[in-house]
Amino acid sequence: MAYNYKKVDEILDELDPNRIPMVGPALCDTQEGDPYFNLPGDINDYYIPFYKKFMGDGKKEYPKFFCELQPNKEFVGFDGRPNPGDKWKNFVIKKDTFTNCGLHFPLQAGFLGSLSEREVEYTIANRRKVIDFGERVGVKYYTIHISQDGFISTHGNYLSAANILKKTIEYFAEKNTKAYVLIENLEYPKYPSTPHEIYWWFNKVKECDPSGRLKFGVVIDVAHLWRTRGEIMKNINEGKGVPSWVTEEKDIIFQPYHDLLNYTLKTKLSGIPVITFHFSGSYGYETHLIPGMRPYEDPDSADIKINRFYDENVEMNLKNTIKTIVKYYFDSYRGVDRLDDRSFRPLYIAVESYISYKHGVKQSISYPSVMKGVKAVRDYTLQYFEKLNNKSENRVRVYNFLRKR
């Protein structure tokens, strides 16, 4: 018998908005699909108000706002001077207690693993400026990539990537940041991509901060993990070589995707805080679609549903993915004796939706269409939170902690 999910507005009336999962869009300045608005200039006057109204119940606005800021261009040039075209340097978020933002390091302003001293210096200089910006606007977490295409083939590339990571962490320590510093899993063969690599690199990051003052964690990009599984299975089936540590995890990688995700979260990363999930629709080779929507559908008119049938031969089952995330979050408190503000750990879900293939043409997605996917993910996540409320003593305890006082 199908579970009769409670309405989302009823759940929101029960729960404390400061403790429930924060689900919001990734706002990237090079992936903007609205011709009349720009990032970051219109965040305060358009993106935040639209979010609060759209995520509300039709009668009142949703009180919280969450997004992951994704500046994608350089903050400083190769000459060390500030980029005159930097749109973020004077940006200020209108601060209130219900505005939360993460910050993703720019992808177009780095050479992670480069053997060129000049490119390494350029990468580190940009990372320092990004951290300066994040500290100024008060972000809650930073998302960090460790490697990138073109610089992963040699031991020298690895040593360079590790050096850039070390310098980045040292600057975080120098700034005494209170935000979470999170490493993100990437698509194979970049690293970290497999459960073992995520675990190994997390511990490598911690070694860079001997003071132990920084808060480290992980971003799990569910689409990257899904794509990694497919690429490794393809390579092994075609007889192509893979690293020995990948071969050691072959059995779990060949299992259904939600089993791999569950193993990653509950077994390999047990005791390691997964603070943020990057979430998107994944179909074939595309990993940045609107959740619940197939690539050929019109994002402006499509009826977005998470609770639908998925052909797992070609697309990620988002319904099972959300269930796995929610179960992990509840069960991560199993060994916590006392639930209070000190033991509470936030859960951020950043929806990365950038493209569609409307009319067979690859194109960017407008913010209102992106928000349809954000709301669908938020609603199904909360409904599954409520469903787990009667599944075990621990889960009831966690749900009660999330209630309004």
Protein backbone atom coordinates (compact mmCIF):
# COMPACT_ATOMS: atom_id res chain seq x y z
CA MET A 1 0.00 0.00 0.00
CA ALA A 2 1.42 3.38 -1.01
CA TYR A 3 2.30 5.79 1.79
CA ASN A 4 -0.06 8.76 2.06
CA TYR A 5 2.42 11.63 2.23
CA LYS A 6 1.45 14.62 4.32
CA LYS A 7 1.11 17.98 2.55
CA VAL A 8 4.27 20.06 2.56
CA ASP A 9 2.64 23.14 4.13
CA GLU A 10 1.52 20.97 7.07
CA ILE A 11 5.08 19.69 7.54
CA LEU A 12 6.47 23.22 7.39
CA ASP A 13 4.02 24.26 10.11
CA GLU A 14 5.52 21.54 12.33
CA LEU A 15 9.24 22.06 11.74
CA ASP A 16 11.75 24.75 12.69
CA PRO A 17 12.94 26.48 9.48
CA ASN A 18 16.39 26.86 11.04
CA ARG A 19 16.82 23.09 11.32
CA ILE A 20 15.19 21.56 8.27
CA PRO A 21 17.19 20.85 5.09
CA MET A 22 18.08 23.93 3.07
CA VAL A 23 17.39 23.29 -0.61
CA GLY A 24 18.28 25.95 -3.16
CA PRO A 25 19.79 26.67 -6.56
CA ALA A 26 23.39 26.86 -7.62
CA LEU A 27 23.76 30.38 -9.00
CA CYS A 28 26.56 30.41 -11.57
CA ASP A 29 27.50 33.63 -13.34
CA THR A 30 28.33 31.83 -16.60
CA GLN A 31 25.21 29.62 -16.69
CA GLU A 32 22.52 32.28 -16.41
CA GLY A 33 19.42 31.63 -18.54
CA ASP A 34 17.52 34.86 -17.81
CA PRO A 35 18.32 37.55 -20.41
CA TYR A 36 16.94 40.38 -18.28
CA PHE A 37 18.75 39.57 -15.03
CA ASN A 38 22.37 39.01 -14.11
CA LEU A 39 24.46 37.41 -11.41
CA PRO A 40 25.38 38.58 -8.90
CA GLY A 41 23.87 42.03 -9.46
CA ASP A 42 20.23 40.98 -9.16
CA ILE A 43 20.50 38.45 -6.34
CA ASN A 44 19.11 40.77 -3.65
CA ASP A 45 16.32 42.32 -5.70
CA TYR A 46 15.22 39.39 -7.90
CA TYR A 47 16.64 35.97 -7.03
CA ILE A 48 16.03 36.06 -3.27
CA PRO A 49 12.47 37.55 -3.40
CA PHE A 50 11.45 35.16 -6.21
CA TYR A 51 12.79 32.20 -4.22
CA LYS A 52 10.90 33.13 -1.05
CA LYS A 53 7.64 33.66 -2.90
CA PHE A 54 7.94 30.52 -5.05
CA MET A 55 8.87 28.29 -2.11
CA GLY A 56 5.99 29.61 0.00
CA ASP A 57 2.53 28.12 0.29
CA GLY A 58 0.73 30.78 -1.76
CA LYS A 59 -0.37 32.67 1.34
CA LYS A 60 2.96 33.57 2.91
CA GLU A 61 6.55 33.64 1.75
CA TYR A 62 9.03 30.96 2.70
CA PRO A 63 11.19 32.56 5.43
CA LYS A 64 14.58 31.14 4.44
CA PHE A 65 16.80 31.59 1.41
CA PHE A 66 19.63 29.28 0.42
CA CYS A 67 21.85 29.09 -2.64
CA GLU A 68 25.35 28.06 -3.58
CA LEU A 69 27.19 30.97 -5.19
CA GLN A 70 29.29 29.82 -8.13
CA PRO A 71 31.48 32.62 -9.52
CA ASN A 72 33.25 31.07 -12.47
CA LYS A 73 35.74 33.69 -13.64
CA GLU A 74 39.04 34.96 -12.35
CA PHE A 75 39.28 37.38 -9.44
CA VAL A 76 42.87 38.32 -10.30
CA GLY A 77 44.84 38.05 -13.54
CA PHE A 78 48.23 36.49 -14.25
CA ASP A 79 49.84 39.82 -13.43
CA GLY A 80 48.45 39.62 -9.90
CA ARG A 81 46.17 42.60 -10.39
CA PRO A 82 42.42 42.48 -9.68
CA ASN A 83 40.31 41.56 -12.68
CA PRO A 84 38.57 44.80 -13.78
CA GLY A 85 35.64 42.71 -15.01
CA ASP A 86 35.11 41.03 -11.64
CA LYS A 87 31.39 41.41 -10.90
CA TRP A 88 31.65 40.02 -7.36
CA LYS A 89 34.17 42.41 -5.78
CA ASN A 90 31.56 44.90 -4.53
CA PHE A 91 28.70 42.46 -4.10
CA VAL A 92 27.04 42.31 -0.69
CA ILE A 93 24.22 39.96 0.30
CA LYS A 94 21.46 41.58 2.33
CA LYS A 95 22.15 39.77 5.55
CA ASP A 96 19.47 38.39 7.82
CA THR A 97 19.25 35.30 9.99
CA PHE A 98 17.39 33.40 7.27
CA THR A 99 19.87 33.90 4.41
CA ASN A 100 22.41 31.11 3.93
CA CYS A 101 24.89 30.75 1.08
CA GLY A 102 27.63 28.33 0.17
CA LEU A 103 30.49 29.26 -2.15
CA HIS A 104 31.97 27.12 -4.92
CA PHE A 105 35.53 27.93 -5.99
CA PRO A 106 35.69 29.17 -9.62
CA LEU A 107 36.48 26.53 -12.23
CA GLN A 108 37.79 28.92 -14.88
CA ALA A 109 40.37 30.54 -12.61
CA GLY A 110 42.62 27.63 -11.78
CA PHE A 111 45.11 25.09 -13.07
CA LEU A 112 44.83 22.32 -10.47
CA GLY A 113 47.82 20.06 -10.93
CA SER A 114 49.66 22.23 -13.42
CA LEU A 115 53.44 21.85 -13.67
CA SER A 116 53.80 25.55 -14.54
CA GLU A 117 54.92 27.65 -11.58
CA ARG A 118 53.18 30.68 -13.08
CA GLU A 119 49.86 28.84 -13.40
CA VAL A 120 50.14 27.49 -9.86
CA GLU A 121 50.76 31.00 -8.48
CA TYR A 122 47.78 32.29 -10.47
CA THR A 123 45.56 29.51 -9.08
CA ILE A 124 46.58 30.14 -5.47
CA ALA A 125 46.16 33.93 -5.85
CA ASN A 126 42.61 33.44 -7.13
CA ARG A 127 41.75 31.01 -4.36
CA ARG A 128 42.89 33.50 -1.74
CA LYS A 129 40.71 36.22 -3.27
CA VAL A 130 37.74 33.84 -3.34
CA ILE A 131 38.24 33.10 0.35
CA ASP A 132 38.47 36.83 1.08
CA PHE A 133 35.16 37.28 -0.73
CA GLY A 134 33.51 34.38 1.11
CA GLU A 135 34.60 35.67 4.50
CA ARG A 136 33.33 39.15 3.65
CA VAL A 137 29.83 37.96 2.69
CA GLY A 138 29.66 35.32 5.43
CA VAL A 139 29.18 32.05 3.55
CA LYS A 140 28.36 28.88 5.48
CA TYR A 141 30.61 26.54 3.52
CA TYR A 142 33.15 26.38 0.70
CA THR A 143 33.13 23.74 -2.06
CA ILE A 144 36.60 22.82 -3.29
CA HIS A 145 37.77 20.83 -6.30
CA ILE A 146 41.12 19.06 -5.97
CA SER A 147 41.83 18.10 -9.60
CA GLN A 148 40.74 19.03 -13.11
CA ASP A 149 40.93 17.71 -16.65
CA GLY A 150 44.32 18.03 -18.31
CA PHE A 151 46.34 17.73 -15.10
CA ILE A 152 45.71 14.21 -13.75
CA SER A 153 48.05 11.92 -15.69
CA THR A 154 51.39 12.11 -13.84
CA HIS A 155 52.78 11.97 -10.33
CA GLY A 156 53.96 15.53 -10.83
CA ASN A 157 50.35 16.60 -11.46
CA TYR A 158 49.34 14.92 -8.19
CA LEU A 159 52.12 16.68 -6.23
CA SER A 160 51.10 20.03 -7.73
CA ALA A 161 47.41 19.49 -6.90
CA ALA A 162 48.34 18.50 -3.34
CA ASN A 163 50.51 21.63 -2.99
CA ILE A 164 47.69 23.91 -4.19
CA LEU A 165 45.32 22.20 -1.74
CA LYS A 166 47.82 22.68 1.12
CA LYS A 167 48.24 26.39 0.34
CA THR A 168 44.45 26.78 0.16
CA ILE A 169 43.91 25.17 3.57
CA GLU A 170 46.71 27.24 5.10
CA TYR A 171 44.96 30.41 3.94
CA PHE A 172 41.66 29.21 5.42
CA ALA A 173 43.51 28.73 8.73
CA GLU A 174 45.11 32.17 8.42
CA LYS A 175 41.65 33.72 7.96
CA ASN A 176 40.34 31.61 10.85
CA THR A 177 37.21 30.79 8.87
CA LYS A 178 34.20 29.47 10.77
CA ALA A 179 32.62 28.06 7.61
CA TYR A 180 32.83 24.40 6.62
CA VAL A 181 35.63 23.55 4.18
CA LEU A 182 34.28 20.80 1.93
CA ILE A 183 35.91 18.70 -0.77
CA GLU A 184 33.71 17.60 -3.65
CA ASN A 185 33.72 14.25 -5.45
CA LEU A 186 34.32 14.62 -9.19
CA GLU A 187 33.71 12.51 -12.29
CA TYR A 188 36.15 9.67 -12.96
CA PRO A 189 39.05 9.79 -13.81
CA LYS A 190 39.43 13.10 -11.96
CA TYR A 191 39.94 12.71 -8.24
CA PRO A 192 38.44 12.18 -5.82
CA SER A 193 35.74 10.23 -7.66
CA THR A 194 35.36 6.85 -5.92
CA PRO A 195 34.37 6.20 -2.27
CA HIS A 196 37.95 5.23 -1.38
CA GLU A 197 39.39 8.37 -3.01
CA ILE A 198 36.91 10.65 -1.19
CA TYR A 199 37.88 9.04 2.13
CA TRP A 200 41.62 9.28 1.36
CA TRP A 201 41.55 12.91 0.25
CA PHE A 202 39.39 13.98 3.20
CA ASN A 203 42.09 12.73 5.55
CA LYS A 204 44.75 14.35 3.38
CA VAL A 205 42.96 17.69 3.77
CA LYS A 206 42.85 17.35 7.54
CA GLU A 207 46.64 16.89 7.59
CA CYS A 208 46.96 20.38 6.11
CA ASP A 209 45.53 21.92 9.29
CA PRO A 210 47.61 20.66 12.23
CA SER A 211 45.84 23.14 14.53
CA GLY A 212 42.58 21.27 14.12
CA ARG A 213 40.59 24.52 14.23
CA LEU A 214 38.95 24.26 10.80
CA LYS A 215 35.71 22.38 10.16
CA PHE A 216 36.15 19.91 7.33
CA GLY A 217 33.58 17.85 5.50
CA VAL A 218 32.47 16.54 2.13
CA VAL A 219 30.17 17.61 -0.70
CA ILE A 220 28.67 14.59 -2.41
CA ASP A 221 27.67 15.41 -5.97
CA VAL A 222 25.18 12.63 -6.66
CA ALA A 223 25.39 13.16 -10.43
CA HIS A 224 29.20 12.93 -10.40
CA LEU A 225 29.02 9.65 -8.45
CA TRP A 226 26.38 8.33 -10.87
CA ARG A 227 28.53 9.26 -13.88
CA THR A 228 31.65 7.81 -12.21
CA ARG A 229 29.89 4.48 -11.72
CA GLY A 230 28.95 4.35 -15.40
CA GLU A 231 32.45 5.29 -16.61
CA ILE A 232 34.21 2.71 -14.41
CA MET A 233 31.76 -0.04 -15.41
CA LYS A 234 32.30 0.85 -19.07
CA ASN A 235 36.10 0.79 -18.74
CA ILE A 236 36.14 -2.54 -16.92
CA ASN A 237 33.68 -4.15 -19.34
CA GLU A 238 35.81 -2.98 -22.27
CA GLY A 239 38.99 -4.36 -20.70
CA LYS A 240 40.55 -0.95 -20.10
CA GLY A 241 42.86 -0.53 -17.17
CA VAL A 242 41.72 1.14 -13.94
CA PRO A 243 43.77 1.85 -10.78
CA SER A 244 44.10 -0.98 -8.27
CA TRP A 245 42.07 0.83 -5.61
CA VAL A 246 39.21 1.19 -8.12
CA THR A 247 39.37 -2.54 -8.86
CA GLU A 248 39.11 -3.22 -5.12
CA GLU A 249 35.74 -1.42 -5.05
CA LYS A 250 34.50 -3.03 -8.28
CA ASP A 251 31.87 -5.19 -6.56
CA ILE A 252 30.05 -2.25 -4.97
CA ILE A 253 30.45 -0.06 -8.06
CA PHE A 254 28.63 -2.68 -10.14
CA GLN A 255 25.71 -2.69 -7.69
CA PRO A 256 22.62 -0.49 -8.28
CA TYR A 257 23.42 3.19 -7.89
CA HIS A 258 21.52 3.76 -4.64
CA ASP A 259 23.53 0.89 -3.06
CA LEU A 260 26.76 2.61 -4.10
CA LEU A 261 25.54 5.93 -2.68
CA ASN A 262 24.47 4.24 0.55
CA TYR A 263 27.86 2.49 0.86
CA THR A 264 29.68 5.77 0.24
CA LEU A 265 27.74 7.64 2.92
CA LYS A 266 27.26 5.04 5.64
CA THR A 267 30.30 2.79 5.27
CA LYS A 268 33.22 4.53 3.59
CA LEU A 269 32.47 7.99 4.97
CA SER A 270 31.16 6.82 8.33
CA GLY A 271 32.07 9.48 10.88
CA ILE A 272 32.93 12.03 8.16
CA PRO A 273 30.40 14.88 7.93
CA VAL A 274 28.70 15.14 4.55
CA ILE A 275 27.34 18.66 4.86
CA THR A 276 26.19 19.36 1.31
CA PHE A 277 24.78 17.44 -1.63
CA HIS A 278 24.90 18.67 -5.20
CA PHE A 279 21.71 17.48 -6.85
CA SER A 280 20.54 17.44 -10.46
CA GLY A 281 18.72 15.39 -13.02
CA SER A 282 20.98 12.89 -14.78
CA TYR A 283 20.07 11.24 -18.06
CA GLY A 284 22.58 9.55 -20.36
CA TYR A 285 25.71 11.69 -20.33
CA GLU A 286 23.92 14.82 -19.11
CA THR A 287 24.28 15.56 -15.40
CA HIS A 288 22.95 19.11 -14.94
CA LEU A 289 19.28 18.79 -15.84
CA ILE A 290 16.27 19.92 -13.82
CA PRO A 291 15.53 17.15 -11.28
CA GLY A 292 12.62 14.99 -12.41
CA MET A 293 12.71 16.28 -15.99
CA ARG A 294 13.99 14.46 -19.06
CA PRO A 295 16.34 16.40 -21.36
CA TYR A 296 13.94 16.73 -24.30
CA GLU A 297 11.09 18.16 -22.23
CA ASP A 298 10.28 21.88 -22.20
CA PRO A 299 11.50 23.22 -18.82
CA ASP A 300 9.01 26.09 -18.94
CA SER A 301 5.94 23.86 -19.24
CA ALA A 302 7.04 20.44 -17.93
CA ASP A 303 5.28 19.07 -14.87
CA ILE A 304 8.16 18.39 -12.50
CA LYS A 305 7.72 15.30 -10.31
CA ILE A 306 10.28 13.46 -8.21
CA ASN A 307 7.89 10.62 -7.33
CA ARG A 308 7.63 9.04 -10.78
CA PHE A 309 8.95 6.06 -12.76
CA TYR A 310 12.66 6.11 -13.68
CA ASP A 311 14.36 3.99 -16.33
CA GLU A 312 17.51 3.25 -14.34
CA ASN A 313 19.30 2.02 -17.46
CA VAL A 314 19.61 5.62 -18.65
CA GLU A 315 18.67 7.94 -15.77
CA MET A 316 19.29 8.37 -12.07
CA ASN A 317 16.39 7.40 -9.83
CA LEU A 318 16.03 10.67 -7.92
CA LYS A 319 13.33 9.30 -5.67
CA ASN A 320 15.65 6.59 -4.31
CA THR A 321 18.52 9.09 -4.16
CA ILE A 322 16.58 11.45 -1.90
CA LYS A 323 15.47 8.55 0.29
CA THR A 324 19.09 7.44 0.69
CA ILE A 325 20.20 10.98 1.63
CA VAL A 326 17.41 11.41 4.18
CA LYS A 327 18.05 8.02 5.81
CA TYR A 328 21.74 8.86 6.02
CA TYR A 329 21.00 12.21 7.66
CA PHE A 330 18.68 10.71 10.27
CA ASP A 331 20.97 7.79 11.00
CA SER A 332 24.06 10.02 11.32
CA TYR A 333 22.65 11.08 14.71
CA ARG A 334 22.38 7.50 15.96
CA GLY A 335 25.47 7.76 18.14
CA VAL A 336 24.74 11.30 19.38
CA ASP A 337 23.59 11.17 23.01
CA ARG A 338 22.16 14.67 23.20
CA LEU A 339 20.52 16.56 20.33
CA ASP A 340 21.02 20.28 20.75
CA ASP A 341 22.42 23.27 18.89
CA ARG A 342 25.98 22.06 19.44
CA SER A 343 25.39 18.58 17.99
CA PHE A 344 23.12 19.80 15.19
CA ARG A 345 24.61 19.52 11.71
CA PRO A 346 23.00 21.38 8.79
CA LEU A 347 21.97 19.68 5.57
CA TYR A 348 22.36 21.69 2.37
CA ILE A 349 21.11 20.50 -1.02
CA ALA A 350 22.33 22.68 -3.90
CA VAL A 351 20.43 21.98 -7.12
CA GLU A 352 22.72 22.36 -10.14
CA SER A 353 20.40 22.76 -13.14
CA TYR A 354 21.96 24.52 -16.10
CA ILE A 355 20.79 23.00 -19.40
CA SER A 356 17.90 21.49 -21.32
CA TYR A 357 17.45 20.18 -24.85
CA LYS A 358 14.15 21.85 -25.61
CA HIS A 359 13.35 21.30 -29.34
CA GLY A 360 16.57 19.27 -29.58
CA VAL A 361 18.79 22.31 -29.00
CA LYS A 362 21.09 22.62 -25.96
CA GLN A 363 20.21 25.79 -24.07
CA SER A 364 20.37 27.44 -20.66
CA ILE A 365 17.45 27.34 -18.24
CA SER A 366 15.59 30.33 -16.83
CA TYR A 367 15.56 30.85 -13.07
CA PRO A 368 11.78 30.20 -12.69
CA SER A 369 12.27 26.82 -14.39
CA VAL A 370 15.26 26.02 -12.19
CA MET A 371 13.14 26.83 -9.15
CA LYS A 372 10.52 24.27 -10.18
CA GLY A 373 13.15 21.60 -9.72
CA VAL A 374 14.35 23.13 -6.44
CA LYS A 375 10.83 23.11 -5.00
CA ALA A 376 10.18 19.54 -6.16
CA VAL A 377 13.35 18.36 -4.40
CA ARG A 378 12.55 20.35 -1.23
CA ASP A 379 8.99 19.04 -1.09
CA TYR A 380 9.83 15.36 -1.58
CA THR A 381 12.72 15.62 0.90
CA LEU A 382 10.44 17.04 3.60
CA GLN A 383 7.74 14.49 2.87
CA TYR A 384 10.23 11.69 3.31
CA PHE A 385 11.49 13.32 6.51
CA GLU A 386 7.94 13.11 7.83
CA LYS A 387 7.53 9.52 6.67
CA LEU A 388 10.63 8.44 8.64
CA ASN A 389 9.14 9.97 11.78
CA ASN A 390 7.64 6.63 12.81
CA LYS A 391 10.29 4.24 11.49
CA SER A 392 12.55 3.83 14.54
CA GLU A 393 13.19 5.30 17.95
CA ASN A 394 16.25 7.19 16.70
CA ARG A 395 14.43 8.63 13.71
CA VAL A 396 11.50 9.76 15.86
CA ARG A 397 14.02 11.42 18.18
CA VAL A 398 15.64 13.29 15.29
CA TYR A 399 12.32 14.41 13.82
CA ASN A 400 11.15 15.69 17.20
CA PHE A 401 14.38 17.71 17.50
CA LEU A 402 13.55 19.36 14.17
CA ARG A 403 10.12 20.48 15.37
CA LYS A 404 9.30 24.04 16.36
CA ARG A 405 9.80 24.69 20.05
